[in-house]
Amino acid sequence: MLITKLKHLTSSQFTRNVGWLGGAELTNRIFRLGTTVTLARMFSPEDYGLMAVIYTTFDFANVFTLRGGIGAKIIQADEKDIKTFADTSYWLNWIICGGVFFLQCSAAFLIARFYENNQLIWPLCTAALTYLMFPLFLVNSALIERENRLKITALCNAIQSLVSNTIIVILALLGMGVWSIVWAMVLTTFVWIAITWMNHPWRPPKTFNLEHWQEIINFGKNLLGVEILNRLRMNIDYLIVGKFMGVEALGVYYFAFNAGLGISLNVINTFNLALFPYFCEARTNIQELKKRFWGSLKKTYTIIAPLILLQSMLAPFYVPIVFGQKWVMAIPILMSICLSALPMPLGSASYYLLNAIGKPHITLYWSLINTIIFAIVILFSVQFGIFWVAISVLIYQLLAVPLFATLVISYVFSEKQFSSVEEEN
């Protein structure tokens, strides 16, 4: 009986994809643990603060590449339109990513002035070089995801993690500070280019063509708005803490996030990457979509809930041993941030559910309201210190995400709504 259930559980494409991605993420966490320990012992709180600014800027600017929106359209498109969408997306990627490169280089001076630290300028400009490499693999990567061959994506993640963490550790031990993470970001992008080209036959078109570009942009623009707001909401506490409390306080706060939420967030992202194509396959079948939604959520929480609770409870024991006594002050913040990850899988599944049935504008409206309220909460709590910022993040997540999910589930699985989706398809 048990063997039969296990065979059934592992027979679904979603579970196999999660297995591949989960294996890659486990590999990543093993490598990342060594890097985290190295940086915790080699970096000062100020170094961590600078690293937070670089990663936050890169993460935010990355949204403007429309990487998620353009790739999502390739995944969702009808088979007869794939060649056209892929070729057009290639040229759109060059136009958009080139613009983002110049945007980040220009913004580097303003960011350095905002944080009153000129050490940020050249690292930010150098990190922007990665955008000029994105067009060389984004279409291949999206086509691989469309074909549900996420084991290739997992391979990219695992190898990039190995190379990236090796570079970071070596350069950090050589005393290169934040440059160790910058060069790792730039150099490891070649991993994606090589592996995706080796595993998909699509090649860039020889002639410039933007056929159906409006359709791609119109689909991606709502996702762009959602992603901008999501990134802003995910990073606004860093911006506010860094501005009002200084780079050193930001370093302590970022360490707590990196050491506390890092493992849980990576596991959640592993499941998230498999969700969208998994939901898209059943977007016209309400019973199958409902089954996939609740089934994937159950599988996610079976793994993620015990992990989050365990990591939070054990923080007082492992932080001083693994990372050193200088980070003991960050333990209460780390514990709160760990627990704030509990509602995240529910929110992500609801987000991909709306996208799968072609309703990304709804997540855009919600994200706008959600981001404004969250910013107000952080601006209020920062007056009382970084611990209360972490507490406010936890409370807000526990209240806002279940509300959003409840509304989405009621809307998507209503008979009236789903009838309109079936007619459109």
Protein backbone atom coordinates (compact mmCIF):
# COMPACT_ATOMS: atom_id res chain seq x y z
CA MET A 1 0.00 0.00 0.00
CA LEU A 2 2.75 2.44 1.00
CA ILE A 3 4.87 1.52 -2.03
CA THR A 4 1.87 2.10 -4.33
CA LYS A 5 1.27 5.54 -2.82
CA LEU A 6 4.91 6.48 -3.20
CA LYS A 7 4.91 5.39 -6.85
CA HIS A 8 1.79 7.46 -7.47
CA LEU A 9 3.28 10.47 -5.71
CA THR A 10 6.46 10.38 -7.77
CA SER A 11 4.70 9.68 -11.06
CA SER A 12 3.48 13.25 -11.66
CA GLN A 13 5.51 15.65 -13.81
CA PHE A 14 5.27 18.29 -11.09
CA THR A 15 6.82 16.00 -8.48
CA ARG A 16 9.61 14.93 -10.84
CA ASN A 17 10.38 18.54 -11.71
CA VAL A 18 10.40 19.50 -8.04
CA GLY A 19 12.67 16.55 -7.39
CA TRP A 20 15.20 17.76 -9.95
CA LEU A 21 14.99 21.35 -8.76
CA GLY A 22 15.07 20.26 -5.13
CA GLY A 23 18.21 18.24 -5.73
CA ALA A 24 19.82 21.25 -7.34
CA GLU A 25 18.74 23.43 -4.45
CA LEU A 26 20.13 20.96 -1.92
CA THR A 27 23.43 21.12 -3.78
CA ASN A 28 23.19 24.90 -3.74
CA ARG A 29 22.56 25.02 0.01
CA ILE A 30 25.54 22.75 0.71
CA PHE A 31 27.83 25.05 -1.28
CA ARG A 32 26.07 28.16 0.03
CA LEU A 33 26.56 27.11 3.66
CA GLY A 34 30.32 27.28 3.23
CA THR A 35 29.99 30.67 1.56
CA THR A 36 27.66 32.04 4.26
CA VAL A 37 30.02 30.92 7.03
CA THR A 38 33.02 32.38 5.18
CA LEU A 39 31.33 35.75 4.61
CA ALA A 40 30.00 35.88 8.17
CA ARG A 41 33.55 35.52 9.47
CA MET A 42 35.31 37.65 6.83
CA PHE A 43 32.75 40.44 6.38
CA SER A 44 31.93 43.19 8.84
CA PRO A 45 28.33 44.42 9.31
CA GLU A 46 29.23 47.29 6.95
CA ASP A 47 30.39 44.82 4.27
CA TYR A 48 27.11 42.97 4.68
CA GLY A 49 25.30 46.28 4.26
CA LEU A 50 27.13 46.99 0.98
CA MET A 51 26.39 43.46 -0.21
CA ALA A 52 22.70 44.01 0.63
CA VAL A 53 22.61 47.16 -1.51
CA ILE A 54 24.29 45.42 -4.48
CA TYR A 55 22.02 42.38 -4.37
CA THR A 56 18.91 44.53 -3.83
CA THR A 57 19.76 46.79 -6.77
CA PHE A 58 20.48 43.83 -9.02
CA ASP A 59 17.32 42.05 -7.92
CA PHE A 60 15.19 45.12 -8.57
CA ALA A 61 16.79 46.06 -11.91
CA ASN A 62 16.46 42.44 -13.04
CA VAL A 63 12.68 42.86 -13.04
CA PHE A 64 12.91 45.50 -15.79
CA THR A 65 14.48 42.97 -18.15
CA LEU A 66 10.93 41.52 -18.45
CA ARG A 67 12.60 38.15 -17.98
CA GLY A 68 9.57 36.69 -16.23
CA GLY A 69 6.94 38.22 -18.54
CA ILE A 70 8.56 37.35 -21.87
CA GLY A 71 9.50 33.87 -20.71
CA ALA A 72 5.99 33.30 -19.33
CA LYS A 73 4.46 34.19 -22.72
CA ILE A 74 6.70 31.65 -24.46
CA ILE A 75 5.63 29.01 -21.94
CA GLN A 76 1.92 29.84 -22.29
CA ALA A 77 1.77 30.36 -26.09
CA ASP A 78 0.07 27.98 -28.53
CA GLU A 79 2.37 25.56 -30.32
CA LYS A 80 1.79 27.14 -33.74
CA ASP A 81 3.07 30.53 -32.51
CA ILE A 82 6.21 29.36 -30.70
CA LYS A 83 8.75 30.08 -33.45
CA THR A 84 7.47 33.62 -33.97
CA PHE A 85 7.31 34.41 -30.26
CA ALA A 86 10.77 32.96 -29.64
CA ASP A 87 12.41 34.97 -32.44
CA THR A 88 10.69 38.21 -31.46
CA SER A 89 11.50 37.65 -27.78
CA TYR A 90 15.19 37.36 -28.64
CA TRP A 91 15.31 40.86 -30.12
CA LEU A 92 13.09 42.28 -27.39
CA ASN A 93 15.51 40.87 -24.81
CA TRP A 94 18.43 42.71 -26.42
CA ILE A 95 16.53 46.00 -26.52
CA ILE A 96 15.26 45.75 -22.95
CA CYS A 97 18.36 44.25 -21.32
CA GLY A 98 20.61 46.82 -23.01
CA GLY A 99 18.41 49.55 -21.58
CA VAL A 100 18.55 48.04 -18.10
CA PHE A 101 22.36 47.88 -18.30
CA PHE A 102 22.56 51.65 -18.89
CA LEU A 103 19.85 52.26 -16.29
CA GLN A 104 21.76 50.47 -13.52
CA CYS A 105 25.06 52.13 -14.44
CA SER A 106 23.41 55.54 -14.31
CA ALA A 107 21.55 54.74 -11.09
CA ALA A 108 24.78 53.60 -9.40
CA PHE A 109 25.78 57.21 -8.76
CA LEU A 110 22.38 58.09 -7.27
CA ILE A 111 22.39 54.95 -5.10
CA ALA A 112 25.89 55.76 -3.80
CA ARG A 113 24.71 59.25 -2.94
CA PHE A 114 21.53 57.90 -1.28
CA TYR A 115 23.58 55.68 1.04
CA GLU A 116 26.45 58.20 1.24
CA ASN A 117 28.98 55.56 0.18
CA ASN A 118 30.94 55.90 -3.09
CA GLN A 119 32.29 52.34 -2.77
CA LEU A 120 29.05 51.19 -4.39
CA ILE A 121 29.51 52.83 -7.81
CA TRP A 122 31.93 50.51 -9.61
CA PRO A 123 30.59 47.23 -8.16
CA LEU A 124 27.08 48.17 -9.30
CA CYS A 125 28.29 49.07 -12.80
CA THR A 126 30.27 45.84 -13.10
CA ALA A 127 27.33 43.71 -11.91
CA ALA A 128 25.22 45.31 -14.69
CA LEU A 129 27.33 43.46 -17.29
CA THR A 130 25.21 40.37 -16.60
CA TYR A 131 22.24 41.99 -18.36
CA LEU A 132 24.20 42.04 -21.61
CA MET A 133 24.49 38.24 -21.36
CA PHE A 134 20.82 37.51 -20.60
CA PRO A 135 19.60 37.60 -24.24
CA LEU A 136 22.00 34.78 -25.08
CA PHE A 137 20.08 32.22 -23.00
CA LEU A 138 16.65 33.53 -21.91
CA VAL A 139 14.71 32.16 -24.91
CA ASN A 140 16.38 28.74 -24.72
CA SER A 141 15.68 28.63 -20.99
CA ALA A 142 11.97 29.48 -21.47
CA LEU A 143 11.60 26.84 -24.21
CA ILE A 144 13.15 24.23 -21.92
CA GLU A 145 10.69 25.16 -19.16
CA ARG A 146 7.80 25.03 -21.64
CA GLU A 147 8.77 21.44 -22.45
CA ASN A 148 8.77 20.65 -18.72
CA ARG A 149 12.43 19.59 -18.87
CA LEU A 150 13.22 21.31 -15.62
CA LYS A 151 16.03 18.88 -14.92
CA ILE A 152 18.05 21.07 -17.32
CA THR A 153 17.15 24.14 -15.28
CA ALA A 154 18.15 22.22 -12.17
CA LEU A 155 21.50 21.34 -13.75
CA CYS A 156 22.12 25.03 -14.55
CA ASN A 157 21.29 26.00 -10.98
CA ALA A 158 23.53 23.35 -9.47
CA ILE A 159 26.58 24.07 -11.63
CA GLN A 160 26.18 27.83 -11.33
CA SER A 161 25.95 27.45 -7.55
CA LEU A 162 29.13 25.38 -7.41
CA VAL A 163 31.09 27.83 -9.55
CA SER A 164 29.63 30.94 -7.91
CA ASN A 165 30.23 29.86 -4.34
CA THR A 166 33.76 28.71 -5.17
CA ILE A 167 34.57 32.11 -6.67
CA ILE A 168 33.03 33.97 -3.71
CA VAL A 169 34.91 31.97 -1.08
CA ILE A 170 38.28 32.24 -2.85
CA LEU A 171 37.98 35.98 -3.50
CA ALA A 172 36.61 36.69 -0.01
CA LEU A 173 39.55 34.85 1.57
CA LEU A 174 41.85 36.95 -0.62
CA GLY A 175 40.32 40.05 0.97
CA MET A 176 38.40 41.36 -2.04
CA GLY A 177 35.29 42.20 0.00
CA VAL A 178 32.10 42.88 -1.97
CA TRP A 179 33.98 42.40 -5.26
CA SER A 180 33.91 38.67 -4.52
CA ILE A 181 30.13 38.57 -4.99
CA VAL A 182 30.20 40.91 -7.99
CA TRP A 183 32.64 38.82 -10.02
CA ALA A 184 30.74 35.65 -9.11
CA MET A 185 27.53 37.19 -10.50
CA VAL A 186 29.16 38.14 -13.78
CA LEU A 187 31.30 35.07 -14.47
CA THR A 188 28.72 32.40 -13.63
CA THR A 189 26.19 33.71 -16.16
CA PHE A 190 28.21 31.82 -18.80
CA VAL A 191 27.01 28.58 -17.17
CA TRP A 192 23.43 29.27 -18.26
CA ILE A 193 24.48 30.21 -21.78
CA ALA A 194 26.49 27.02 -22.28
CA ILE A 195 24.03 24.53 -20.78
CA THR A 196 20.83 25.94 -22.33
CA TRP A 197 22.43 26.06 -25.79
CA MET A 198 23.63 22.48 -25.43
CA ASN A 199 20.16 21.27 -24.44
CA HIS A 200 17.83 23.07 -26.85
CA PRO A 201 18.13 23.38 -30.65
CA TRP A 202 16.60 26.88 -30.94
CA ARG A 203 19.10 29.44 -32.19
CA PRO A 204 18.84 33.24 -32.54
CA PRO A 205 17.32 34.49 -35.82
CA LYS A 206 19.67 36.04 -38.34
CA THR A 207 17.28 38.83 -39.31
CA PHE A 208 15.75 41.48 -37.06
CA ASN A 209 12.02 40.92 -36.59
CA LEU A 210 9.50 42.15 -33.98
CA GLU A 211 6.38 40.36 -35.22
CA HIS A 212 3.70 40.13 -32.49
CA TRP A 213 5.84 42.19 -30.13
CA GLN A 214 2.74 44.01 -28.88
CA GLU A 215 1.17 40.75 -27.78
CA ILE A 216 4.29 39.74 -25.87
CA ILE A 217 4.64 43.15 -24.22
CA ASN A 218 0.92 43.36 -23.39
CA PHE A 219 1.12 39.98 -21.68
CA GLY A 220 4.35 40.87 -19.93
CA LYS A 221 3.43 44.40 -18.83
CA ASN A 222 1.03 43.26 -16.12
CA LEU A 223 3.58 40.73 -14.93
CA LEU A 224 6.19 43.50 -15.01
CA GLY A 225 4.04 45.67 -12.79
CA VAL A 226 3.48 42.78 -10.40
CA GLU A 227 7.19 41.91 -10.33
CA ILE A 228 8.23 45.52 -9.74
CA LEU A 229 5.83 45.79 -6.83
CA ASN A 230 6.86 42.37 -5.49
CA ARG A 231 10.54 43.30 -5.61
CA LEU A 232 9.82 46.67 -4.06
CA ARG A 233 7.84 45.02 -1.27
CA MET A 234 10.55 42.39 -0.73
CA ASN A 235 13.31 44.99 -0.59
CA ILE A 236 11.65 48.08 0.81
CA ASP A 237 12.60 47.15 4.37
CA TYR A 238 16.26 47.09 3.26
CA LEU A 239 15.91 50.52 1.66
CA ILE A 240 14.22 52.03 4.72
CA VAL A 241 16.52 50.41 7.30
CA GLY A 242 19.62 51.42 5.32
CA LYS A 243 18.43 55.00 4.87
CA PHE A 244 17.17 55.68 8.40
CA MET A 245 19.49 53.46 10.47
CA GLY A 246 22.68 53.32 8.39
CA VAL A 247 24.61 50.70 6.40
CA GLU A 248 25.85 48.86 9.51
CA ALA A 249 22.32 48.31 10.87
CA LEU A 250 21.32 47.22 7.38
CA GLY A 251 24.16 44.70 7.48
CA VAL A 252 22.82 43.12 10.69
CA TYR A 253 19.30 43.03 9.28
CA TYR A 254 20.46 41.60 5.95
CA PHE A 255 22.53 38.93 7.69
CA ALA A 256 19.42 37.84 9.59
CA PHE A 257 17.47 37.61 6.35
CA ASN A 258 20.26 35.85 4.48
CA ALA A 259 21.03 33.32 7.20
CA GLY A 260 17.43 32.92 8.35
CA LEU A 261 15.23 33.09 5.30
CA GLY A 262 17.76 31.93 2.74
CA ILE A 263 17.23 28.18 3.06
CA SER A 264 13.44 28.36 3.31
CA LEU A 265 13.13 30.85 0.46
CA ASN A 266 15.27 28.72 -1.85
CA VAL A 267 13.14 25.65 -1.15
CA ILE A 268 9.97 27.68 -1.79
CA ASN A 269 11.43 29.00 -5.06
CA THR A 270 12.19 25.43 -6.07
CA PHE A 271 8.49 24.59 -5.92
CA ASN A 272 7.51 27.93 -7.48
CA LEU A 273 9.58 27.35 -10.61
CA ALA A 274 7.63 24.18 -11.35
CA LEU A 275 4.18 25.64 -10.62
CA PHE A 276 3.48 27.87 -13.63
CA PRO A 277 3.94 25.29 -16.45
CA TYR A 278 2.21 22.71 -14.22
CA PHE A 279 -0.87 24.95 -13.83
CA CYS A 280 -0.84 26.07 -17.48
CA GLU A 281 -1.28 22.49 -18.67
CA ALA A 282 -4.66 22.35 -16.88
CA ARG A 283 -5.83 25.94 -17.30
CA THR A 284 -9.02 24.96 -19.20
CA ASN A 285 -10.01 22.08 -16.89
CA ILE A 286 -11.35 23.38 -13.57
CA GLN A 287 -11.31 20.02 -11.77
CA GLU A 288 -7.76 19.19 -12.84
CA LEU A 289 -6.52 22.71 -12.07
CA LYS A 290 -8.10 22.59 -8.62
CA LYS A 291 -6.53 19.17 -8.00
CA ARG A 292 -3.10 20.44 -9.07
CA PHE A 293 -3.39 23.61 -6.98
CA TRP A 294 -4.25 21.89 -3.70
CA GLY A 295 -1.96 18.93 -4.39
CA SER A 296 1.09 21.10 -5.06
CA LEU A 297 0.32 23.22 -1.99
CA LYS A 298 0.10 20.13 0.20
CA LYS A 299 3.42 18.80 -1.08
CA THR A 300 5.09 22.17 -0.58
CA TYR A 301 3.94 22.58 3.02
CA THR A 302 4.81 18.99 3.92
CA ILE A 303 8.44 19.94 3.34
CA ILE A 304 8.63 23.67 4.03
CA ALA A 305 6.62 24.01 7.27
CA PRO A 306 8.80 21.67 9.41
CA LEU A 307 11.95 23.22 7.90
CA ILE A 308 10.90 26.78 8.80
CA LEU A 309 9.83 25.89 12.33
CA LEU A 310 12.97 23.85 12.99
CA GLN A 311 15.31 26.53 11.69
CA SER A 312 13.62 29.21 13.76
CA MET A 313 13.68 27.21 17.01
CA LEU A 314 17.32 26.16 16.63
CA ALA A 315 18.63 29.64 15.77
CA PRO A 316 19.90 30.42 19.31
CA PHE A 317 22.08 27.30 19.14
CA TYR A 318 23.51 27.29 15.61
CA VAL A 319 24.07 31.01 14.97
CA PRO A 320 26.95 31.54 17.46
CA ILE A 321 28.52 28.19 16.57
CA VAL A 322 28.32 28.44 12.79
CA PHE A 323 28.53 32.18 12.16
CA GLY A 324 30.35 33.48 15.24
CA GLN A 325 29.52 35.41 18.42
CA LYS A 326 29.37 38.79 16.67
CA TRP A 327 26.03 37.80 15.10
CA VAL A 328 24.28 36.76 18.34
CA MET A 329 22.50 40.14 18.39
CA ALA A 330 20.75 39.16 15.14
CA ILE A 331 19.13 35.97 16.55
CA PRO A 332 15.72 37.45 17.54
CA ILE A 333 15.48 39.14 14.13
CA LEU A 334 16.46 35.91 12.36
CA MET A 335 13.80 33.90 14.23
CA SER A 336 11.02 36.35 13.30
CA ILE A 337 12.10 36.48 9.67
CA CYS A 338 12.19 32.68 9.47
CA LEU A 339 8.56 32.45 10.57
CA SER A 340 7.51 35.12 8.06
CA ALA A 341 8.18 32.57 5.30
CA LEU A 342 5.28 30.33 6.38
CA PRO A 343 2.56 32.03 4.26
CA MET A 344 4.79 32.47 1.18
CA PRO A 345 3.98 29.19 -0.65
CA LEU A 346 0.27 29.98 -0.38
CA GLY A 347 0.78 33.44 -1.88
CA SER A 348 3.00 32.14 -4.70
CA ALA A 349 0.58 29.37 -5.67
CA SER A 350 -2.28 31.89 -5.81
CA TYR A 351 -0.19 34.23 -7.96
CA TYR A 352 0.65 31.51 -10.51
CA LEU A 353 -2.96 30.35 -10.50
CA LEU A 354 -4.12 33.76 -11.73
CA ASN A 355 -1.35 33.95 -14.34
CA ALA A 356 -2.19 30.49 -15.67
CA ILE A 357 -5.77 31.50 -16.50
CA GLY A 358 -4.59 34.78 -18.07
CA LYS A 359 -5.53 37.19 -15.26
CA PRO A 360 -2.20 38.82 -14.27
CA HIS A 361 -3.87 42.24 -14.00
CA ILE A 362 -5.59 41.11 -10.79
CA THR A 363 -2.27 40.36 -9.11
CA LEU A 364 -1.08 43.77 -10.30
CA TYR A 365 -3.93 45.54 -8.49
CA TRP A 366 -3.38 43.49 -5.34
CA SER A 367 0.39 44.03 -5.43
CA LEU A 368 -0.08 47.80 -5.65
CA ILE A 369 -2.34 47.91 -2.60
CA ASN A 370 -0.19 45.39 -0.74
CA THR A 371 3.05 47.30 -1.39
CA ILE A 372 1.65 50.65 -0.26
CA ILE A 373 0.33 49.21 3.01
CA PHE A 374 3.55 47.27 3.64
CA ALA A 375 5.68 50.39 3.10
CA ILE A 376 3.57 52.30 5.63
CA VAL A 377 4.00 49.49 8.16
CA ILE A 378 7.81 49.45 7.74
CA LEU A 379 8.10 53.25 7.91
CA PHE A 380 6.23 53.16 11.21
CA SER A 381 8.11 50.22 12.74
CA VAL A 382 11.63 51.42 11.79
CA GLN A 383 11.29 54.14 14.46
CA PHE A 384 11.52 51.42 17.13
CA GLY A 385 14.53 49.47 15.77
CA ILE A 386 15.30 46.60 13.42
CA PHE A 387 13.80 43.96 15.73
CA TRP A 388 10.38 45.61 15.46
CA VAL A 389 10.81 45.86 11.71
CA ALA A 390 11.22 42.08 11.63
CA ILE A 391 8.18 41.59 13.90
CA SER A 392 6.06 43.84 11.68
CA VAL A 393 7.13 41.85 8.59
CA LEU A 394 6.05 38.62 10.31
CA ILE A 395 2.65 39.94 11.43
CA TYR A 396 1.94 41.52 8.07
CA GLN A 397 2.76 38.34 6.15
CA LEU A 398 0.54 36.24 8.41
CA LEU A 399 -2.41 38.57 7.80
CA ALA A 400 -2.06 39.76 4.19
CA VAL A 401 -1.10 36.57 2.30
CA PRO A 402 -3.98 34.34 3.52
CA LEU A 403 -6.41 37.17 2.69
CA PHE A 404 -5.09 37.40 -0.87
CA ALA A 405 -5.13 33.62 -1.32
CA THR A 406 -8.71 33.30 -0.07
CA LEU A 407 -9.93 35.93 -2.53
CA VAL A 408 -8.01 34.34 -5.44
CA ILE A 409 -9.26 30.82 -4.76
CA SER A 410 -12.87 32.01 -4.51
CA TYR A 411 -12.52 33.97 -7.75
CA VAL A 412 -10.66 31.43 -9.91
CA PHE A 413 -12.69 28.37 -8.97
CA SER A 414 -16.10 30.01 -9.28
CA GLU A 415 -18.14 28.38 -12.05
CA LYS A 416 -18.94 31.73 -13.68
CA GLN A 417 -15.31 32.79 -13.86
CA PHE A 418 -14.05 29.48 -15.16
CA SER A 419 -16.71 29.37 -17.87
CA SER A 420 -15.31 32.61 -19.28
CA VAL A 421 -11.79 31.15 -19.24
CA GLU A 422 -12.95 28.07 -21.18
CA GLU A 423 -14.64 30.30 -23.79
CA GLU A 424 -11.44 32.33 -24.28
CA ASN A 425 -9.47 29.16 -24.95
